[in-house]
Structure formats: structure tokens, C-alpha cells
Amino acid sequence: MRLAWEGVEIKEVPVQVYYPEDRVSHFRPFHDFARISVLNTVFFFLTLGYFAPKRLFFVKGDINIFTQIKREFMRHQDDPIHMAGSVGLGLFFGVFPIWEFQMIVAFFVASLLKLNRVIVLTFSNISIAPFIPVIIVSSYYVGSFFVKEKVLIPDFSEITLDTICLQLYQYMDRAAIFSCVLGVLGFGFEYMLMKIKEK
């Protein structure tokens, strides 16, 4: 795991193992399985929270996400509408409240509209852990400008199943509005940048 985190290439090779019939196993089913499970859980959260983002954003070379995005924009710099549409669609699906299905649907729609799937998938990943609270709050406040009833978050002592359902409905409603606003802004900003770069 430590070698993988450092970017060392790992290759699989076939091996042969001989287990004699009268061998004695020293594996303790409960104790060892529990230790392995805890270790895998720790590795998972370390990878997800630190090492994977570190490799994605800070490692030099082709694996760096910024290098990949720059290469895609350079390949399609003569088509600003195509690339701006890819950015806008990615931002739209990054906020749109279809949790766990955002990237799948974004990939399908990008393929259907013949947009740049790398850019769409990259920008649809804005719903990562550090940005989720910002997205939720922004969805409430931006969406509140387009609806009659303002969002009222009750006191914690007043929370019931009905208030939870109401808040969830209001969040999804406003998140859909915010995703449209963010998608349009992303499209306009990227289109303007590419036209400026052309000049």
C-alpha cells in the first residue's frame, strides 16, 4: 500500500504454492479477520482522503488531473462551444441531486450530445467531500430566489420525519435550480475564456 501511494508501478506475476495435506493453519478466524478488516478500513480512508487526491492533483506528469484537462482543452481549442458545453454539463451534473449516479448519467448524456467526456466527468466531480457543505448551502440560498416559499430550517428539538422529508424535498428542488444556474455560469465563463484566448 505504501508503494502504491508513492506511485511505484506494481505488476502481477503468477506463482506456485504448495500446501501439504497435513499442514497446520495458524490463522485465527475471528481475531485475524477483525485485524485485517480494520487495517483495510484505515487504508481505504487514508487513500480516499489523502493519497488519492495527492496523486491526482499534485503529482507531475500525465496522471495529474490538471495536465489531462489542459491537454483536452488544447486538443479542442478551436471549438469553444463544444468545450464550454462540456464544462457546463459537468458542473450541472456535479450538483444535480442524483447521488451516486451523477457520473454515470453525465457520461451517458455527454456521449449522447457528443461532448468531451473527460471534461464532463472531471467537472462533475465537484461533489467531493470538502465541497459538499458549500454545495448544499448554496443550493438552498441560490434556489430560494426562484421559489415563493423560503427554506425554514427548524430547531433541532422540532425535527420530525415530516420536517426531514420537507427539507429533503426543498433541498432537491433548490439543488436542481442551482445546478442549472451553475451549469449556465460555467458554460458562459468557459466560452468567454476561450474566445479571449483566441484573440
C-alpha atoms as a PDB file:
ATOM      1  CA  MET A   1       0.000   0.000   0.000  1.00  0.00           C
ATOM      2  CA  ARG A   2       2.781   2.409   0.816  1.00  0.00           C
ATOM      3  CA  LEU A   3       4.468   1.692  -2.525  1.00  0.00           C
ATOM      4  CA  ALA A   4       1.172   2.194  -4.356  1.00  0.00           C
ATOM      5  CA  TRP A   5       0.650   5.509  -2.571  1.00  0.00           C
ATOM      6  CA  GLU A   6       4.102   6.612  -3.729  1.00  0.00           C
ATOM      7  CA  GLY A   7       3.246   5.763  -7.343  1.00  0.00           C
ATOM      8  CA  VAL A   8       5.521   2.719  -7.675  1.00  0.00           C
ATOM      9  CA  GLU A   9       4.347   0.505 -10.539  1.00  0.00           C
ATOM     10  CA  ILE A  10       3.046  -2.845  -9.322  1.00  0.00           C
ATOM     11  CA  LYS A  11       2.854  -5.874 -11.603  1.00  0.00           C
ATOM     12  CA  GLU A  12       1.143  -9.187 -11.031  1.00  0.00           C
ATOM     13  CA  VAL A  13       3.097 -12.378 -11.678  1.00  0.00           C
ATOM     14  CA  PRO A  14       1.904 -15.993 -11.429  1.00  0.00           C
ATOM     15  CA  VAL A  15       3.278 -18.008  -8.524  1.00  0.00           C
ATOM     16  CA  GLN A  16       3.014 -21.626  -7.454  1.00  0.00           C
ATOM     17  CA  VAL A  17       2.139 -22.549  -3.880  1.00  0.00           C
ATOM     18  CA  TYR A  18       2.316 -25.990  -2.315  1.00  0.00           C
ATOM     19  CA  TYR A  19       0.035 -26.782   0.625  1.00  0.00           C
ATOM     20  CA  PRO A  20       0.695 -30.183   2.213  1.00  0.00           C
ATOM     21  CA  GLU A  21      -2.405 -32.100   3.290  1.00  0.00           C
ATOM     22  CA  ASP A  22      -1.335 -32.412   6.923  1.00  0.00           C
ATOM     23  CA  ARG A  23      -0.389 -28.739   7.348  1.00  0.00           C
ATOM     24  CA  VAL A  24      -1.416 -26.781  10.457  1.00  0.00           C
ATOM     25  CA  SER A  25      -3.048 -23.363   9.976  1.00  0.00           C
ATOM     26  CA  HIS A  26      -2.170 -20.602  12.408  1.00  0.00           C
ATOM     27  CA  PHE A  27      -4.909 -18.300  11.130  1.00  0.00           C
ATOM     28  CA  ARG A  28      -7.282 -17.208  13.891  1.00  0.00           C
ATOM     29  CA  PRO A  29     -10.635 -16.736  12.138  1.00  0.00           C
ATOM     30  CA  PHE A  30     -12.155 -14.036  14.348  1.00  0.00           C
ATOM     31  CA  HIS A  31      -9.090 -12.223  15.682  1.00  0.00           C
ATOM     32  CA  ASP A  32      -7.096 -12.093  12.422  1.00  0.00           C
ATOM     33  CA  PHE A  33     -10.118 -11.349  10.257  1.00  0.00           C
ATOM     34  CA  ALA A  34     -11.027  -8.419  12.553  1.00  0.00           C
ATOM     35  CA  ARG A  35      -7.473  -7.047  12.353  1.00  0.00           C
ATOM     36  CA  ILE A  36      -7.424  -7.350   8.556  1.00  0.00           C
ATOM     37  CA  SER A  37     -10.812  -5.612   8.295  1.00  0.00           C
ATOM     38  CA  VAL A  38      -9.679  -2.714  10.494  1.00  0.00           C
ATOM     39  CA  LEU A  39      -6.442  -2.381   8.514  1.00  0.00           C
ATOM     40  CA  ASN A  40      -8.305  -2.344   5.180  1.00  0.00           C
ATOM     41  CA  THR A  41     -10.720   0.279   6.515  1.00  0.00           C
ATOM     42  CA  VAL A  42      -7.847   2.515   7.651  1.00  0.00           C
ATOM     43  CA  PHE A  43      -6.100   2.099   4.274  1.00  0.00           C
ATOM     44  CA  PHE A  44      -9.344   2.889   2.443  1.00  0.00           C
ATOM     45  CA  PHE A  45      -9.943   6.170   4.285  1.00  0.00           C
ATOM     46  CA  LEU A  46      -6.278   7.203   4.049  1.00  0.00           C
ATOM     47  CA  THR A  47      -6.321   6.552   0.306  1.00  0.00           C
ATOM     48  CA  LEU A  48      -9.649   8.288  -0.250  1.00  0.00           C
ATOM     49  CA  GLY A  49      -8.954  11.275   1.977  1.00  0.00           C
ATOM     50  CA  TYR A  50      -5.268  11.977   1.329  1.00  0.00           C
ATOM     51  CA  PHE A  51      -3.207   9.824  -1.024  1.00  0.00           C
ATOM     52  CA  ALA A  52      -5.619   9.607  -3.994  1.00  0.00           C
ATOM     53  CA  PRO A  53      -6.233  13.393  -4.096  1.00  0.00           C
ATOM     54  CA  LYS A  54      -2.498  13.966  -3.627  1.00  0.00           C
ATOM     55  CA  ARG A  55      -1.665  11.818  -6.673  1.00  0.00           C
ATOM     56  CA  LEU A  56      -4.481  13.322  -8.705  1.00  0.00           C
ATOM     57  CA  PHE A  57      -3.681  16.970  -8.065  1.00  0.00           C
ATOM     58  CA  PHE A  58      -0.029  17.240  -7.032  1.00  0.00           C
ATOM     59  CA  VAL A  59       1.909  14.507  -8.861  1.00  0.00           C
ATOM     60  CA  LYS A  60       3.653  15.697 -12.011  1.00  0.00           C
ATOM     61  CA  GLY A  61       3.152  14.046 -15.374  1.00  0.00           C
ATOM     62  CA  ASP A  62       0.169  12.569 -17.193  1.00  0.00           C
ATOM     63  CA  ILE A  63      -1.526  11.325 -14.027  1.00  0.00           C
ATOM     64  CA  ASN A  64      -2.060  14.902 -12.816  1.00  0.00           C
ATOM     65  CA  ILE A  65      -5.661  15.962 -13.427  1.00  0.00           C
ATOM     66  CA  PHE A  66      -4.635  19.483 -14.449  1.00  0.00           C
ATOM     67  CA  THR A  67      -2.323  18.089 -17.132  1.00  0.00           C
ATOM     68  CA  GLN A  68      -5.147  15.971 -18.542  1.00  0.00           C
ATOM     69  CA  ILE A  69      -7.597  18.898 -18.554  1.00  0.00           C
ATOM     70  CA  LYS A  70      -5.054  21.182 -20.240  1.00  0.00           C
ATOM     71  CA  ARG A  71      -4.392  18.551 -22.913  1.00  0.00           C
ATOM     72  CA  GLU A  72      -8.115  18.190 -23.625  1.00  0.00           C
ATOM     73  CA  PHE A  73      -8.597  21.937 -23.945  1.00  0.00           C
ATOM     74  CA  MET A  74      -5.574  22.210 -26.251  1.00  0.00           C
ATOM     75  CA  ARG A  75      -6.977  19.469 -28.493  1.00  0.00           C
ATOM     76  CA  HIS A  76     -10.317  21.270 -28.857  1.00  0.00           C
ATOM     77  CA  GLN A  77      -9.289  24.925 -28.595  1.00  0.00           C
ATOM     78  CA  ASP A  78     -10.871  25.648 -31.986  1.00  0.00           C
ATOM     79  CA  ASP A  79     -14.348  24.677 -30.740  1.00  0.00           C
ATOM     80  CA  PRO A  80     -15.248  26.904 -27.757  1.00  0.00           C
ATOM     81  CA  ILE A  81     -18.962  25.985 -27.748  1.00  0.00           C
ATOM     82  CA  HIS A  82     -18.121  22.268 -27.559  1.00  0.00           C
ATOM     83  CA  MET A  83     -15.733  22.719 -24.636  1.00  0.00           C
ATOM     84  CA  ALA A  84     -17.883  25.286 -22.821  1.00  0.00           C
ATOM     85  CA  GLY A  85     -20.820  22.909 -23.160  1.00  0.00           C
ATOM     86  CA  SER A  86     -18.710  20.112 -21.667  1.00  0.00           C
ATOM     87  CA  VAL A  87     -17.775  22.274 -18.660  1.00  0.00           C
ATOM     88  CA  GLY A  88     -21.364  23.436 -18.176  1.00  0.00           C
ATOM     89  CA  LEU A  89     -22.777  19.917 -18.393  1.00  0.00           C
ATOM     90  CA  GLY A  90     -20.165  18.615 -15.943  1.00  0.00           C
ATOM     91  CA  LEU A  91     -20.965  21.335 -13.391  1.00  0.00           C
ATOM     92  CA  PHE A  92     -24.689  20.729 -13.885  1.00  0.00           C
ATOM     93  CA  PHE A  93     -24.425  17.021 -13.067  1.00  0.00           C
ATOM     94  CA  GLY A  94     -21.925  17.679 -10.280  1.00  0.00           C
ATOM     95  CA  VAL A  95     -24.658  19.455  -8.303  1.00  0.00           C
ATOM     96  CA  PHE A  96     -27.831  17.831  -9.662  1.00  0.00           C
ATOM     97  CA  PRO A  97     -29.356  15.716  -6.840  1.00  0.00           C
ATOM     98  CA  ILE A  98     -28.994  12.221  -8.263  1.00  0.00           C
ATOM     99  CA  TRP A  99     -26.469  10.975  -5.733  1.00  0.00           C
ATOM    100  CA  GLU A 100     -24.201   8.093  -6.722  1.00  0.00           C
ATOM    101  CA  PHE A 101     -25.444   8.264 -10.330  1.00  0.00           C
ATOM    102  CA  GLN A 102     -24.041  11.654 -11.300  1.00  0.00           C
ATOM    103  CA  MET A 103     -21.007  10.393 -13.223  1.00  0.00           C
ATOM    104  CA  ILE A 104     -22.880   7.566 -14.957  1.00  0.00           C
ATOM    105  CA  VAL A 105     -25.645   9.874 -16.179  1.00  0.00           C
ATOM    106  CA  ALA A 106     -23.125  12.607 -17.063  1.00  0.00           C
ATOM    107  CA  PHE A 107     -21.102  10.133 -19.147  1.00  0.00           C
ATOM    108  CA  PHE A 108     -24.246   8.910 -20.949  1.00  0.00           C
ATOM    109  CA  VAL A 109     -25.519  12.436 -21.712  1.00  0.00           C
ATOM    110  CA  ALA A 110     -22.045  13.592 -22.811  1.00  0.00           C
ATOM    111  CA  SER A 111     -21.860  10.647 -25.217  1.00  0.00           C
ATOM    112  CA  LEU A 112     -25.367  11.410 -26.487  1.00  0.00           C
ATOM    113  CA  LEU A 113     -24.531  15.088 -27.096  1.00  0.00           C
ATOM    114  CA  LYS A 114     -21.054  14.232 -28.436  1.00  0.00           C
ATOM    115  CA  LEU A 115     -19.342  16.401 -25.815  1.00  0.00           C
ATOM    116  CA  ASN A 116     -15.893  15.876 -24.323  1.00  0.00           C
ATOM    117  CA  ARG A 117     -16.439  13.084 -21.793  1.00  0.00           C
ATOM    118  CA  VAL A 118     -13.127  13.666 -19.966  1.00  0.00           C
ATOM    119  CA  ILE A 119     -14.044  17.296 -19.275  1.00  0.00           C
ATOM    120  CA  VAL A 120     -17.641  16.448 -18.358  1.00  0.00           C
ATOM    121  CA  LEU A 121     -16.565  13.735 -15.881  1.00  0.00           C
ATOM    122  CA  THR A 122     -13.835  15.948 -14.421  1.00  0.00           C
ATOM    123  CA  PHE A 123     -16.155  18.871 -13.708  1.00  0.00           C
ATOM    124  CA  SER A 124     -18.940  16.586 -12.473  1.00  0.00           C
ATOM    125  CA  ASN A 125     -16.585  15.623  -9.629  1.00  0.00           C
ATOM    126  CA  ILE A 126     -17.112  18.900  -7.778  1.00  0.00           C
ATOM    127  CA  SER A 127     -19.351  16.989  -5.336  1.00  0.00           C
ATOM    128  CA  ILE A 128     -16.391  15.723  -3.322  1.00  0.00           C
ATOM    129  CA  ALA A 129     -16.268  15.799   0.466  1.00  0.00           C
ATOM    130  CA  PRO A 130     -14.761  19.292   1.059  1.00  0.00           C
ATOM    131  CA  PHE A 131     -17.284  20.976  -1.275  1.00  0.00           C
ATOM    132  CA  ILE A 132     -20.470  19.131  -0.260  1.00  0.00           C
ATOM    133  CA  PRO A 133     -21.425  21.529   2.605  1.00  0.00           C
ATOM    134  CA  VAL A 134     -20.834  24.526   0.302  1.00  0.00           C
ATOM    135  CA  ILE A 135     -22.963  22.927  -2.445  1.00  0.00           C
ATOM    136  CA  ILE A 136     -25.815  22.152  -0.034  1.00  0.00           C
ATOM    137  CA  VAL A 137     -25.884  25.664   1.459  1.00  0.00           C
ATOM    138  CA  SER A 138     -25.526  27.261  -1.987  1.00  0.00           C
ATOM    139  CA  SER A 139     -28.391  25.112  -3.289  1.00  0.00           C
ATOM    140  CA  TYR A 140     -30.664  26.386  -0.514  1.00  0.00           C
ATOM    141  CA  TYR A 141     -29.781  30.047  -0.903  1.00  0.00           C
ATOM    142  CA  VAL A 142     -29.486  30.327  -4.694  1.00  0.00           C
ATOM    143  CA  GLY A 143     -32.646  28.269  -5.200  1.00  0.00           C
ATOM    144  CA  SER A 144     -34.578  30.409  -2.707  1.00  0.00           C
ATOM    145  CA  PHE A 145     -34.500  33.344  -5.150  1.00  0.00           C
ATOM    146  CA  PHE A 146     -36.567  31.336  -7.646  1.00  0.00           C
ATOM    147  CA  VAL A 147     -39.271  29.939  -5.354  1.00  0.00           C
ATOM    148  CA  LYS A 148     -42.045  31.561  -3.322  1.00  0.00           C
ATOM    149  CA  GLU A 149     -41.578  29.712  -0.038  1.00  0.00           C
ATOM    150  CA  LYS A 150     -38.283  30.266   1.727  1.00  0.00           C
ATOM    151  CA  VAL A 151     -36.460  27.359   3.307  1.00  0.00           C
ATOM    152  CA  LEU A 152     -37.017  27.222   7.042  1.00  0.00           C
ATOM    153  CA  ILE A 153     -34.622  25.005   8.953  1.00  0.00           C
ATOM    154  CA  PRO A 154     -36.350  24.154  12.251  1.00  0.00           C
ATOM    155  CA  ASP A 155     -34.752  23.920  15.636  1.00  0.00           C
ATOM    156  CA  PHE A 156     -33.195  20.509  16.309  1.00  0.00           C
ATOM    157  CA  SER A 157     -35.749  19.911  19.039  1.00  0.00           C
ATOM    158  CA  GLU A 158     -38.543  20.210  16.459  1.00  0.00           C
ATOM    159  CA  ILE A 159     -37.179  17.711  13.945  1.00  0.00           C
ATOM    160  CA  THR A 160     -39.666  15.048  12.910  1.00  0.00           C
ATOM    161  CA  LEU A 161     -39.982  12.688   9.967  1.00  0.00           C
ATOM    162  CA  ASP A 162     -42.247  15.237   8.257  1.00  0.00           C
ATOM    163  CA  THR A 163     -39.727  18.063   8.622  1.00  0.00           C
ATOM    164  CA  ILE A 164     -36.933  15.823   7.352  1.00  0.00           C
ATOM    165  CA  CYS A 165     -38.998  14.892   4.271  1.00  0.00           C
ATOM    166  CA  LEU A 166     -39.874  18.556   3.713  1.00  0.00           C
ATOM    167  CA  GLN A 167     -36.245  19.650   3.978  1.00  0.00           C
ATOM    168  CA  LEU A 168     -35.152  16.870   1.628  1.00  0.00           C
ATOM    169  CA  TYR A 169     -37.783  17.863  -0.917  1.00  0.00           C
ATOM    170  CA  GLN A 170     -36.810  21.543  -0.644  1.00  0.00           C
ATOM    171  CA  TYR A 171     -33.125  20.704  -0.972  1.00  0.00           C
ATOM    172  CA  MET A 172     -33.672  18.600  -4.106  1.00  0.00           C
ATOM    173  CA  ASP A 173     -35.845  21.328  -5.589  1.00  0.00           C
ATOM    174  CA  ARG A 174     -33.258  24.023  -4.971  1.00  0.00           C
ATOM    175  CA  ALA A 175     -30.310  21.805  -5.916  1.00  0.00           C
ATOM    176  CA  ALA A 176     -31.903  21.258  -9.333  1.00  0.00           C
ATOM    177  CA  ILE A 177     -32.240  25.032  -9.744  1.00  0.00           C
ATOM    178  CA  PHE A 178     -28.690  25.656  -8.518  1.00  0.00           C
ATOM    179  CA  SER A 179     -27.302  23.003 -10.898  1.00  0.00           C
ATOM    180  CA  CYS A 180     -28.941  24.833 -13.832  1.00  0.00           C
ATOM    181  CA  VAL A 181     -27.536  28.180 -12.680  1.00  0.00           C
ATOM    182  CA  LEU A 182     -24.049  26.743 -12.139  1.00  0.00           C
ATOM    183  CA  GLY A 183     -24.127  24.952 -15.500  1.00  0.00           C
ATOM    184  CA  VAL A 184     -25.062  28.150 -17.351  1.00  0.00           C
ATOM    185  CA  LEU A 185     -22.413  30.154 -15.475  1.00  0.00           C
ATOM    186  CA  GLY A 186     -19.775  27.500 -16.207  1.00  0.00           C
ATOM    187  CA  PHE A 187     -20.702  27.485 -19.883  1.00  0.00           C
ATOM    188  CA  GLY A 188     -20.586  31.286 -20.127  1.00  0.00           C
ATOM    189  CA  PHE A 189     -17.324  31.644 -18.209  1.00  0.00           C
ATOM    190  CA  GLU A 190     -15.524  28.942 -20.194  1.00  0.00           C
ATOM    191  CA  TYR A 191     -16.818  30.249 -23.529  1.00  0.00           C
ATOM    192  CA  MET A 192     -15.633  33.757 -22.643  1.00  0.00           C
ATOM    193  CA  LEU A 193     -12.192  32.457 -21.610  1.00  0.00           C
ATOM    194  CA  MET A 194     -11.717  30.511 -24.844  1.00  0.00           C
ATOM    195  CA  LYS A 195     -12.826  33.476 -27.002  1.00  0.00           C
ATOM    196  CA  ILE A 196     -10.396  35.749 -25.150  1.00  0.00           C
ATOM    197  CA  LYS A 197      -7.619  33.218 -25.684  1.00  0.00           C
ATOM    198  CA  GLU A 198      -8.420  33.120 -29.407  1.00  0.00           C
ATOM    199  CA  LYS A 199      -7.889  36.887 -29.650  1.00  0.00           C
END
